[in-house]
Amino acid sequence: MIYIIITVIVLLIIYSSQKKENEKIVPENRIEIQEHWYTILEENVFFYQKLDTQQRLHFKKRIQSFLNSVEIVAVDFELEDLDILLVAASAIIPVFGFNNWMYPNLKTVIIYPDYFNENLEFAAKSENKIIGGLVGNGMFENKMILSRRALHHGFLNKTDKGNTGIHEFVHLLDKLDGNIDGIPKALIDNENLLQWLDVVHDKMEAINNDDSDIRNYGGTSKEEFFAVASEYFFERPKLLQRKHPDLYKMLQECFSIE
């Protein structure tokens, strides 16, 4: 019974968000950054901590723009400011190097309280709850689903080179050319694509030979490698530069980060 109720709730969320997409555009800046949000960012977002004063101001404005263009919805729990800001930070970090760029392929982020399975079940008795996030297709087009637990863990653990929120938003960037395939044509110049594929091949081979510190999940496919490597790039940039200078350089150019 609980699964039926949850499914109905999710379908209502999808219907509501699709209806809003068809309504007239709401004026920008209807959501204002709250003063205490600065403290939340400072305490929880490592990327933000490294920014200078001017960059922090720009980051805050980008968060405001994101929150005015994307709806964030919680399923079976009440949204808190930290949830909202971690989603927004996950979105802005990968595109911070692109001036005022946003996600044309995202309208709604749906947050589940815990990890979920392929049937989108997250209740305590559900089996195979291993999914922390996904980018939707079909009826979930322009939607993202995130696990609240996975989202928070990505920002709490500053040494594991992983961040679920960033991972899923990188998939959205990968999808800009129409496919999530690990070949981000919208971000990498055509003349550098072959070099990118060579680097990806070599790094995935090392992962699958158990000869790499890049997370094993990155060895499952090119698209997952791109997302996993990007997590590493934003979470532990200096370590990536030291251990994988070729990959670091390509991601640096890809995300336009100095």
C-alpha atoms as a PDB file:
ATOM      1  CA  MET A   1       0.000   0.000   0.000  1.00  0.00           C
ATOM      2  CA  ILE A   2       2.804   2.420   0.895  1.00  0.00           C
ATOM      3  CA  TYR A   3       4.361   1.936  -2.559  1.00  0.00           C
ATOM      4  CA  ILE A   4       1.065   2.825  -4.258  1.00  0.00           C
ATOM      5  CA  ILE A   5       0.756   5.986  -2.182  1.00  0.00           C
ATOM      6  CA  ILE A   6       4.345   7.019  -2.920  1.00  0.00           C
ATOM      7  CA  THR A   7       3.884   6.324  -6.643  1.00  0.00           C
ATOM      8  CA  VAL A   8       0.760   8.501  -6.702  1.00  0.00           C
ATOM      9  CA  ILE A   9       2.644  11.291  -4.917  1.00  0.00           C
ATOM     10  CA  VAL A  10       5.510  11.145  -7.422  1.00  0.00           C
ATOM     11  CA  LEU A  11       3.094  11.148 -10.374  1.00  0.00           C
ATOM     12  CA  LEU A  12       1.321  14.176  -8.924  1.00  0.00           C
ATOM     13  CA  ILE A  13       4.672  15.933  -8.566  1.00  0.00           C
ATOM     14  CA  ILE A  14       5.489  15.173 -12.203  1.00  0.00           C
ATOM     15  CA  TYR A  15       2.062  16.384 -13.372  1.00  0.00           C
ATOM     16  CA  SER A  16       2.346  19.556 -11.311  1.00  0.00           C
ATOM     17  CA  SER A  17       5.835  20.369 -12.613  1.00  0.00           C
ATOM     18  CA  GLN A  18       4.808  19.721 -16.224  1.00  0.00           C
ATOM     19  CA  LYS A  19       1.813  22.011 -15.768  1.00  0.00           C
ATOM     20  CA  LYS A  20       4.052  24.757 -14.417  1.00  0.00           C
ATOM     21  CA  GLU A  21       6.357  24.384 -17.431  1.00  0.00           C
ATOM     22  CA  ASN A  22       3.420  25.281 -19.662  1.00  0.00           C
ATOM     23  CA  GLU A  23       2.383  28.301 -17.620  1.00  0.00           C
ATOM     24  CA  LYS A  24       3.707  31.803 -18.191  1.00  0.00           C
ATOM     25  CA  ILE A  25       7.221  32.561 -16.991  1.00  0.00           C
ATOM     26  CA  VAL A  26       7.417  33.901 -13.444  1.00  0.00           C
ATOM     27  CA  PRO A  27       9.591  37.020 -13.022  1.00  0.00           C
ATOM     28  CA  GLU A  28      13.187  36.340 -11.979  1.00  0.00           C
ATOM     29  CA  ASN A  29      14.479  36.776  -8.436  1.00  0.00           C
ATOM     30  CA  ARG A  30      11.241  35.764  -6.731  1.00  0.00           C
ATOM     31  CA  ILE A  31      13.451  33.713  -4.365  1.00  0.00           C
ATOM     32  CA  GLU A  32      15.885  35.782  -2.343  1.00  0.00           C
ATOM     33  CA  ILE A  33      19.018  34.454  -0.676  1.00  0.00           C
ATOM     34  CA  GLN A  34      18.508  34.409   3.090  1.00  0.00           C
ATOM     35  CA  GLU A  35      21.259  35.837   5.281  1.00  0.00           C
ATOM     36  CA  HIS A  36      21.778  32.585   7.209  1.00  0.00           C
ATOM     37  CA  TRP A  37      22.276  30.684   3.942  1.00  0.00           C
ATOM     38  CA  TYR A  38      25.766  32.167   3.728  1.00  0.00           C
ATOM     39  CA  THR A  39      26.710  30.362   6.931  1.00  0.00           C
ATOM     40  CA  ILE A  40      25.242  27.095   5.640  1.00  0.00           C
ATOM     41  CA  LEU A  41      27.329  27.339   2.463  1.00  0.00           C
ATOM     42  CA  GLU A  42      30.449  28.223   4.428  1.00  0.00           C
ATOM     43  CA  GLU A  43      30.032  25.280   6.787  1.00  0.00           C
ATOM     44  CA  ASN A  44      29.016  22.620   4.272  1.00  0.00           C
ATOM     45  CA  VAL A  45      30.343  23.345   0.770  1.00  0.00           C
ATOM     46  CA  PHE A  46      34.102  22.898   0.370  1.00  0.00           C
ATOM     47  CA  PHE A  47      34.094  24.402  -3.137  1.00  0.00           C
ATOM     48  CA  TYR A  48      32.502  27.578  -1.767  1.00  0.00           C
ATOM     49  CA  GLN A  49      35.030  27.774   1.072  1.00  0.00           C
ATOM     50  CA  LYS A  50      37.881  28.077  -1.446  1.00  0.00           C
ATOM     51  CA  LEU A  51      36.363  31.039  -3.311  1.00  0.00           C
ATOM     52  CA  ASP A  52      37.441  34.639  -2.796  1.00  0.00           C
ATOM     53  CA  THR A  53      34.955  37.361  -1.836  1.00  0.00           C
ATOM     54  CA  GLN A  54      34.003  38.283  -5.395  1.00  0.00           C
ATOM     55  CA  GLN A  55      33.636  34.667  -6.444  1.00  0.00           C
ATOM     56  CA  ARG A  56      31.446  33.936  -3.419  1.00  0.00           C
ATOM     57  CA  LEU A  57      29.137  36.770  -4.394  1.00  0.00           C
ATOM     58  CA  HIS A  58      28.906  35.344  -7.909  1.00  0.00           C
ATOM     59  CA  PHE A  59      28.248  31.851  -6.511  1.00  0.00           C
ATOM     60  CA  LYS A  60      25.368  33.181  -4.392  1.00  0.00           C
ATOM     61  CA  LYS A  61      23.823  34.930  -7.385  1.00  0.00           C
ATOM     62  CA  ARG A  62      24.106  31.751  -9.423  1.00  0.00           C
ATOM     63  CA  ILE A  63      22.353  29.811  -6.654  1.00  0.00           C
ATOM     64  CA  GLN A  64      19.568  32.382  -6.633  1.00  0.00           C
ATOM     65  CA  SER A  65      19.136  32.071 -10.413  1.00  0.00           C
ATOM     66  CA  PHE A  66      19.058  28.283 -10.168  1.00  0.00           C
ATOM     67  CA  LEU A  67      16.430  28.287  -7.434  1.00  0.00           C
ATOM     68  CA  ASN A  68      14.306  30.646  -9.516  1.00  0.00           C
ATOM     69  CA  SER A  69      14.383  28.325 -12.516  1.00  0.00           C
ATOM     70  CA  VAL A  70      14.210  24.820 -10.986  1.00  0.00           C
ATOM     71  CA  GLU A  71      11.612  23.444  -8.588  1.00  0.00           C
ATOM     72  CA  ILE A  72      12.884  21.298  -5.695  1.00  0.00           C
ATOM     73  CA  VAL A  73      10.347  18.870  -4.238  1.00  0.00           C
ATOM     74  CA  ALA A  74      10.657  16.510  -1.256  1.00  0.00           C
ATOM     75  CA  VAL A  75       8.897  13.151  -1.067  1.00  0.00           C
ATOM     76  CA  ASP A  76       7.913  11.899   2.398  1.00  0.00           C
ATOM     77  CA  PHE A  77       9.881  14.513   4.349  1.00  0.00           C
ATOM     78  CA  GLU A  78       9.962  18.281   4.840  1.00  0.00           C
ATOM     79  CA  LEU A  79      12.579  20.223   2.899  1.00  0.00           C
ATOM     80  CA  GLU A  80      15.143  22.138   4.927  1.00  0.00           C
ATOM     81  CA  ASP A  81      17.374  25.003   3.848  1.00  0.00           C
ATOM     82  CA  LEU A  82      20.385  22.688   3.843  1.00  0.00           C
ATOM     83  CA  ASP A  83      18.683  20.347   1.355  1.00  0.00           C
ATOM     84  CA  ILE A  84      17.880  23.230  -0.982  1.00  0.00           C
ATOM     85  CA  LEU A  85      21.369  24.707  -0.820  1.00  0.00           C
ATOM     86  CA  LEU A  86      23.145  21.389  -1.350  1.00  0.00           C
ATOM     87  CA  VAL A  87      21.084  20.744  -4.480  1.00  0.00           C
ATOM     88  CA  ALA A  88      21.802  24.253  -5.748  1.00  0.00           C
ATOM     89  CA  ALA A  89      25.515  23.966  -4.935  1.00  0.00           C
ATOM     90  CA  SER A  90      25.663  20.605  -6.736  1.00  0.00           C
ATOM     91  CA  ALA A  91      24.218  22.330  -9.786  1.00  0.00           C
ATOM     92  CA  ILE A  92      26.415  25.420  -9.751  1.00  0.00           C
ATOM     93  CA  ILE A  93      29.786  23.808  -9.034  1.00  0.00           C
ATOM     94  CA  PRO A  94      30.135  22.045 -12.436  1.00  0.00           C
ATOM     95  CA  VAL A  95      29.078  25.166 -14.390  1.00  0.00           C
ATOM     96  CA  PHE A  96      30.740  27.826 -12.235  1.00  0.00           C
ATOM     97  CA  GLY A  97      33.352  28.364 -14.933  1.00  0.00           C
ATOM     98  CA  PHE A  98      30.658  29.261 -17.464  1.00  0.00           C
ATOM     99  CA  ASN A  99      29.345  32.763 -16.929  1.00  0.00           C
ATOM    100  CA  ASN A 100      25.671  32.714 -15.910  1.00  0.00           C
ATOM    101  CA  TRP A 101      25.060  29.349 -17.614  1.00  0.00           C
ATOM    102  CA  MET A 102      22.112  27.262 -16.433  1.00  0.00           C
ATOM    103  CA  TYR A 103      20.503  23.883 -17.198  1.00  0.00           C
ATOM    104  CA  PRO A 104      18.031  24.041 -20.105  1.00  0.00           C
ATOM    105  CA  ASN A 105      17.262  20.331 -19.629  1.00  0.00           C
ATOM    106  CA  LEU A 106      16.116  20.487 -16.000  1.00  0.00           C
ATOM    107  CA  LYS A 107      12.841  21.711 -14.505  1.00  0.00           C
ATOM    108  CA  THR A 108      12.395  19.714 -11.296  1.00  0.00           C
ATOM    109  CA  VAL A 109      14.594  17.999  -8.709  1.00  0.00           C
ATOM    110  CA  ILE A 110      12.736  15.369  -6.670  1.00  0.00           C
ATOM    111  CA  ILE A 111      14.396  14.352  -3.401  1.00  0.00           C
ATOM    112  CA  TYR A 112      13.725  11.004  -1.739  1.00  0.00           C
ATOM    113  CA  PRO A 113      14.656  10.617   1.936  1.00  0.00           C
ATOM    114  CA  ASP A 114      16.933   7.616   1.342  1.00  0.00           C
ATOM    115  CA  TYR A 115      18.599   5.527  -1.330  1.00  0.00           C
ATOM    116  CA  PHE A 116      16.102   3.867  -3.663  1.00  0.00           C
ATOM    117  CA  ASN A 117      15.848   0.948  -6.093  1.00  0.00           C
ATOM    118  CA  GLU A 118      14.997   0.663  -9.788  1.00  0.00           C
ATOM    119  CA  ASN A 119      11.296   0.772  -8.916  1.00  0.00           C
ATOM    120  CA  LEU A 120      11.860   4.070  -7.077  1.00  0.00           C
ATOM    121  CA  GLU A 121      11.109   2.388  -3.732  1.00  0.00           C
ATOM    122  CA  PHE A 122      12.884   3.719  -0.656  1.00  0.00           C
ATOM    123  CA  ALA A 123      10.907   2.294   2.281  1.00  0.00           C
ATOM    124  CA  ALA A 124      12.809   0.395   4.974  1.00  0.00           C
ATOM    125  CA  LYS A 125      11.597  -2.987   3.691  1.00  0.00           C
ATOM    126  CA  SER A 126      12.504  -2.242   0.065  1.00  0.00           C
ATOM    127  CA  GLU A 127      15.246  -4.388  -1.470  1.00  0.00           C
ATOM    128  CA  ASN A 128      18.273  -3.323  -3.528  1.00  0.00           C
ATOM    129  CA  LYS A 129      18.224   0.290  -2.380  1.00  0.00           C
ATOM    130  CA  ILE A 130      21.534   1.296  -3.923  1.00  0.00           C
ATOM    131  CA  ILE A 131      20.633   4.231  -6.182  1.00  0.00           C
ATOM    132  CA  GLY A 132      21.625   7.675  -4.936  1.00  0.00           C
ATOM    133  CA  GLY A 133      20.448   9.678  -7.915  1.00  0.00           C
ATOM    134  CA  LEU A 134      19.316   9.551 -11.513  1.00  0.00           C
ATOM    135  CA  VAL A 135      18.587  11.803 -14.463  1.00  0.00           C
ATOM    136  CA  GLY A 136      15.160  11.065 -15.863  1.00  0.00           C
ATOM    137  CA  ASN A 137      13.936  10.068 -19.298  1.00  0.00           C
ATOM    138  CA  GLY A 138      10.454   9.566 -20.727  1.00  0.00           C
ATOM    139  CA  MET A 139       7.870  10.677 -18.185  1.00  0.00           C
ATOM    140  CA  PHE A 140      10.785  11.833 -16.029  1.00  0.00           C
ATOM    141  CA  GLU A 141      12.318  13.966 -18.803  1.00  0.00           C
ATOM    142  CA  ASN A 142      13.688  17.259 -17.414  1.00  0.00           C
ATOM    143  CA  LYS A 143      13.548  15.733 -13.934  1.00  0.00           C
ATOM    144  CA  MET A 144      16.263  14.580 -11.556  1.00  0.00           C
ATOM    145  CA  ILE A 145      15.775  12.295  -8.556  1.00  0.00           C
ATOM    146  CA  LEU A 146      18.227  12.460  -5.661  1.00  0.00           C
ATOM    147  CA  SER A 147      18.529  10.568  -2.405  1.00  0.00           C
ATOM    148  CA  ARG A 148      18.680  13.011   0.487  1.00  0.00           C
ATOM    149  CA  ARG A 149      21.039  10.706   2.352  1.00  0.00           C
ATOM    150  CA  ALA A 150      23.380  10.426  -0.644  1.00  0.00           C
ATOM    151  CA  LEU A 151      23.223  14.177  -1.304  1.00  0.00           C
ATOM    152  CA  HIS A 152      24.240  15.029   2.256  1.00  0.00           C
ATOM    153  CA  HIS A 153      26.946  12.356   2.389  1.00  0.00           C
ATOM    154  CA  GLY A 154      28.603  13.837  -0.695  1.00  0.00           C
ATOM    155  CA  PHE A 155      29.206  17.107   1.127  1.00  0.00           C
ATOM    156  CA  LEU A 156      29.918  15.639   4.569  1.00  0.00           C
ATOM    157  CA  ASN A 157      32.770  13.398   3.418  1.00  0.00           C
ATOM    158  CA  LYS A 158      35.479  15.662   2.039  1.00  0.00           C
ATOM    159  CA  THR A 159      38.087  12.961   1.398  1.00  0.00           C
ATOM    160  CA  ASP A 160      36.301  10.203  -0.537  1.00  0.00           C
ATOM    161  CA  LYS A 161      36.448  11.962  -3.954  1.00  0.00           C
ATOM    162  CA  GLY A 162      32.705  11.424  -4.369  1.00  0.00           C
ATOM    163  CA  ASN A 163      29.629  13.629  -4.532  1.00  0.00           C
ATOM    164  CA  THR A 164      26.280  12.270  -5.750  1.00  0.00           C
ATOM    165  CA  GLY A 165      24.790  15.687  -6.460  1.00  0.00           C
ATOM    166  CA  ILE A 166      27.691  16.761  -8.661  1.00  0.00           C
ATOM    167  CA  HIS A 167      27.658  13.330 -10.328  1.00  0.00           C
ATOM    168  CA  GLU A 168      24.047  13.710 -11.481  1.00  0.00           C
ATOM    169  CA  PHE A 169      24.439  17.287 -12.665  1.00  0.00           C
ATOM    170  CA  VAL A 170      27.461  16.252 -14.729  1.00  0.00           C
ATOM    171  CA  HIS A 171      25.205  13.659 -16.376  1.00  0.00           C
ATOM    172  CA  LEU A 172      22.915  16.559 -17.318  1.00  0.00           C
ATOM    173  CA  LEU A 173      25.855  18.385 -18.891  1.00  0.00           C
ATOM    174  CA  ASP A 174      26.768  15.215 -20.763  1.00  0.00           C
ATOM    175  CA  LYS A 175      23.175  15.062 -22.021  1.00  0.00           C
ATOM    176  CA  LEU A 176      23.297  18.521 -23.627  1.00  0.00           C
ATOM    177  CA  ASP A 177      24.169  16.983 -27.007  1.00  0.00           C
ATOM    178  CA  GLY A 178      21.224  14.597 -26.693  1.00  0.00           C
ATOM    179  CA  ASN A 179      23.011  11.565 -25.230  1.00  0.00           C
ATOM    180  CA  ILE A 180      24.487  10.595 -21.882  1.00  0.00           C
ATOM    181  CA  ASP A 181      27.492   8.779 -23.303  1.00  0.00           C
ATOM    182  CA  GLY A 182      30.577  10.185 -21.593  1.00  0.00           C
ATOM    183  CA  ILE A 183      31.439  12.247 -24.671  1.00  0.00           C
ATOM    184  CA  PRO A 184      30.422  15.780 -23.663  1.00  0.00           C
ATOM    185  CA  LYS A 185      30.498  17.394 -27.086  1.00  0.00           C
ATOM    186  CA  ALA A 186      28.980  20.580 -25.697  1.00  0.00           C
ATOM    187  CA  LEU A 187      31.987  20.987 -23.375  1.00  0.00           C
ATOM    188  CA  ILE A 188      34.937  19.587 -25.332  1.00  0.00           C
ATOM    189  CA  ASP A 189      36.119  20.976 -28.674  1.00  0.00           C
ATOM    190  CA  ASN A 190      35.911  18.559 -31.595  1.00  0.00           C
ATOM    191  CA  GLU A 191      39.682  18.561 -32.052  1.00  0.00           C
ATOM    192  CA  ASN A 192      40.103  17.340 -28.455  1.00  0.00           C
ATOM    193  CA  LEU A 193      37.479  14.577 -28.511  1.00  0.00           C
ATOM    194  CA  LEU A 194      39.882  11.861 -29.682  1.00  0.00           C
ATOM    195  CA  GLN A 195      42.341  12.825 -26.960  1.00  0.00           C
ATOM    196  CA  TRP A 196      39.497  12.683 -24.425  1.00  0.00           C
ATOM    197  CA  LEU A 197      38.486   9.210 -25.581  1.00  0.00           C
ATOM    198  CA  ASP A 198      42.096   8.018 -25.344  1.00  0.00           C
ATOM    199  CA  VAL A 199      42.356   9.287 -21.765  1.00  0.00           C
ATOM    200  CA  VAL A 200      39.006   7.717 -20.856  1.00  0.00           C
ATOM    201  CA  HIS A 201      40.038   4.366 -22.354  1.00  0.00           C
ATOM    202  CA  ASP A 202      43.347   4.301 -20.488  1.00  0.00           C
ATOM    203  CA  LYS A 203      41.842   5.350 -17.153  1.00  0.00           C
ATOM    204  CA  MET A 204      38.949   2.883 -17.386  1.00  0.00           C
ATOM    205  CA  GLU A 205      41.375   0.089 -18.213  1.00  0.00           C
ATOM    206  CA  ALA A 206      43.420   0.962 -15.119  1.00  0.00           C
ATOM    207  CA  ILE A 207      40.271   0.987 -12.967  1.00  0.00           C
ATOM    208  CA  ASN A 208      39.162  -2.408 -14.235  1.00  0.00           C
ATOM    209  CA  ASN A 209      42.660  -3.799 -13.678  1.00  0.00           C
ATOM    210  CA  ASP A 210      42.438  -2.628 -10.059  1.00  0.00           C
ATOM    211  CA  ASP A 211      45.305  -0.227 -10.695  1.00  0.00           C
ATOM    212  CA  SER A 212      43.667   3.136 -10.025  1.00  0.00           C
ATOM    213  CA  ASP A 213      42.421   5.266  -7.140  1.00  0.00           C
ATOM    214  CA  ILE A 214      39.450   6.386  -9.253  1.00  0.00           C
ATOM    215  CA  ARG A 215      36.229   4.866  -7.929  1.00  0.00           C
ATOM    216  CA  ASN A 216      35.394   1.461  -9.442  1.00  0.00           C
ATOM    217  CA  TYR A 217      32.024   2.662 -10.706  1.00  0.00           C
ATOM    218  CA  GLY A 218      33.927   4.805 -13.190  1.00  0.00           C
ATOM    219  CA  GLY A 219      35.041   1.639 -14.952  1.00  0.00           C
ATOM    220  CA  THR A 220      31.519   0.504 -15.850  1.00  0.00           C
ATOM    221  CA  SER A 221      30.942   2.843 -18.814  1.00  0.00           C
ATOM    222  CA  LYS A 222      32.232   6.033 -20.419  1.00  0.00           C
ATOM    223  CA  GLU A 223      29.308   8.055 -19.106  1.00  0.00           C
ATOM    224  CA  GLU A 224      29.893   6.893 -15.544  1.00  0.00           C
ATOM    225  CA  PHE A 225      33.612   7.495 -15.891  1.00  0.00           C
ATOM    226  CA  PHE A 226      32.969  11.116 -16.892  1.00  0.00           C
ATOM    227  CA  ALA A 227      30.669  11.659 -13.904  1.00  0.00           C
ATOM    228  CA  VAL A 228      32.936   9.854 -11.412  1.00  0.00           C
ATOM    229  CA  ALA A 229      36.072  11.626 -12.659  1.00  0.00           C
ATOM    230  CA  SER A 230      34.249  14.954 -12.392  1.00  0.00           C
ATOM    231  CA  GLU A 231      33.355  14.225  -8.765  1.00  0.00           C
ATOM    232  CA  TYR A 232      37.059  13.607  -8.120  1.00  0.00           C
ATOM    233  CA  PHE A 233      37.989  16.813  -9.982  1.00  0.00           C
ATOM    234  CA  PHE A 234      35.745  19.033  -7.876  1.00  0.00           C
ATOM    235  CA  GLU A 235      36.175  17.238  -4.540  1.00  0.00           C
ATOM    236  CA  ARG A 236      39.941  16.584  -4.564  1.00  0.00           C
ATOM    237  CA  PRO A 237      41.425  18.724  -7.375  1.00  0.00           C
ATOM    238  CA  LYS A 238      44.995  18.812  -6.083  1.00  0.00           C
ATOM    239  CA  LEU A 239      45.098  15.047  -5.608  1.00  0.00           C
ATOM    240  CA  LEU A 240      43.697  14.464  -9.099  1.00  0.00           C
ATOM    241  CA  GLN A 241      46.248  16.858 -10.583  1.00  0.00           C
ATOM    242  CA  ARG A 242      49.070  14.996  -8.850  1.00  0.00           C
ATOM    243  CA  LYS A 243      47.910  11.458  -9.674  1.00  0.00           C
ATOM    244  CA  HIS A 244      46.239  12.006 -13.046  1.00  0.00           C
ATOM    245  CA  PRO A 245      47.661  15.188 -14.637  1.00  0.00           C
ATOM    246  CA  ASP A 246      46.379  14.337 -18.130  1.00  0.00           C
ATOM    247  CA  LEU A 247      42.830  13.767 -16.896  1.00  0.00           C
ATOM    248  CA  TYR A 248      42.993  16.838 -14.670  1.00  0.00           C
ATOM    249  CA  LYS A 249      44.058  19.041 -17.593  1.00  0.00           C
ATOM    250  CA  MET A 250      41.227  17.808 -19.804  1.00  0.00           C
ATOM    251  CA  LEU A 251      38.599  18.303 -17.096  1.00  0.00           C
ATOM    252  CA  GLN A 252      40.029  21.725 -16.330  1.00  0.00           C
ATOM    253  CA  GLU A 253      39.472  22.721 -19.962  1.00  0.00           C
ATOM    254  CA  CYS A 254      36.098  20.967 -20.055  1.00  0.00           C
ATOM    255  CA  PHE A 255      34.717  22.898 -17.077  1.00  0.00           C
ATOM    256  CA  SER A 256      36.638  26.111 -17.816  1.00  0.00           C
ATOM    257  CA  ILE A 257      38.180  26.117 -14.330  1.00  0.00           C
ATOM    258  CA  GLU A 258      41.544  27.797 -13.753  1.00  0.00           C
END
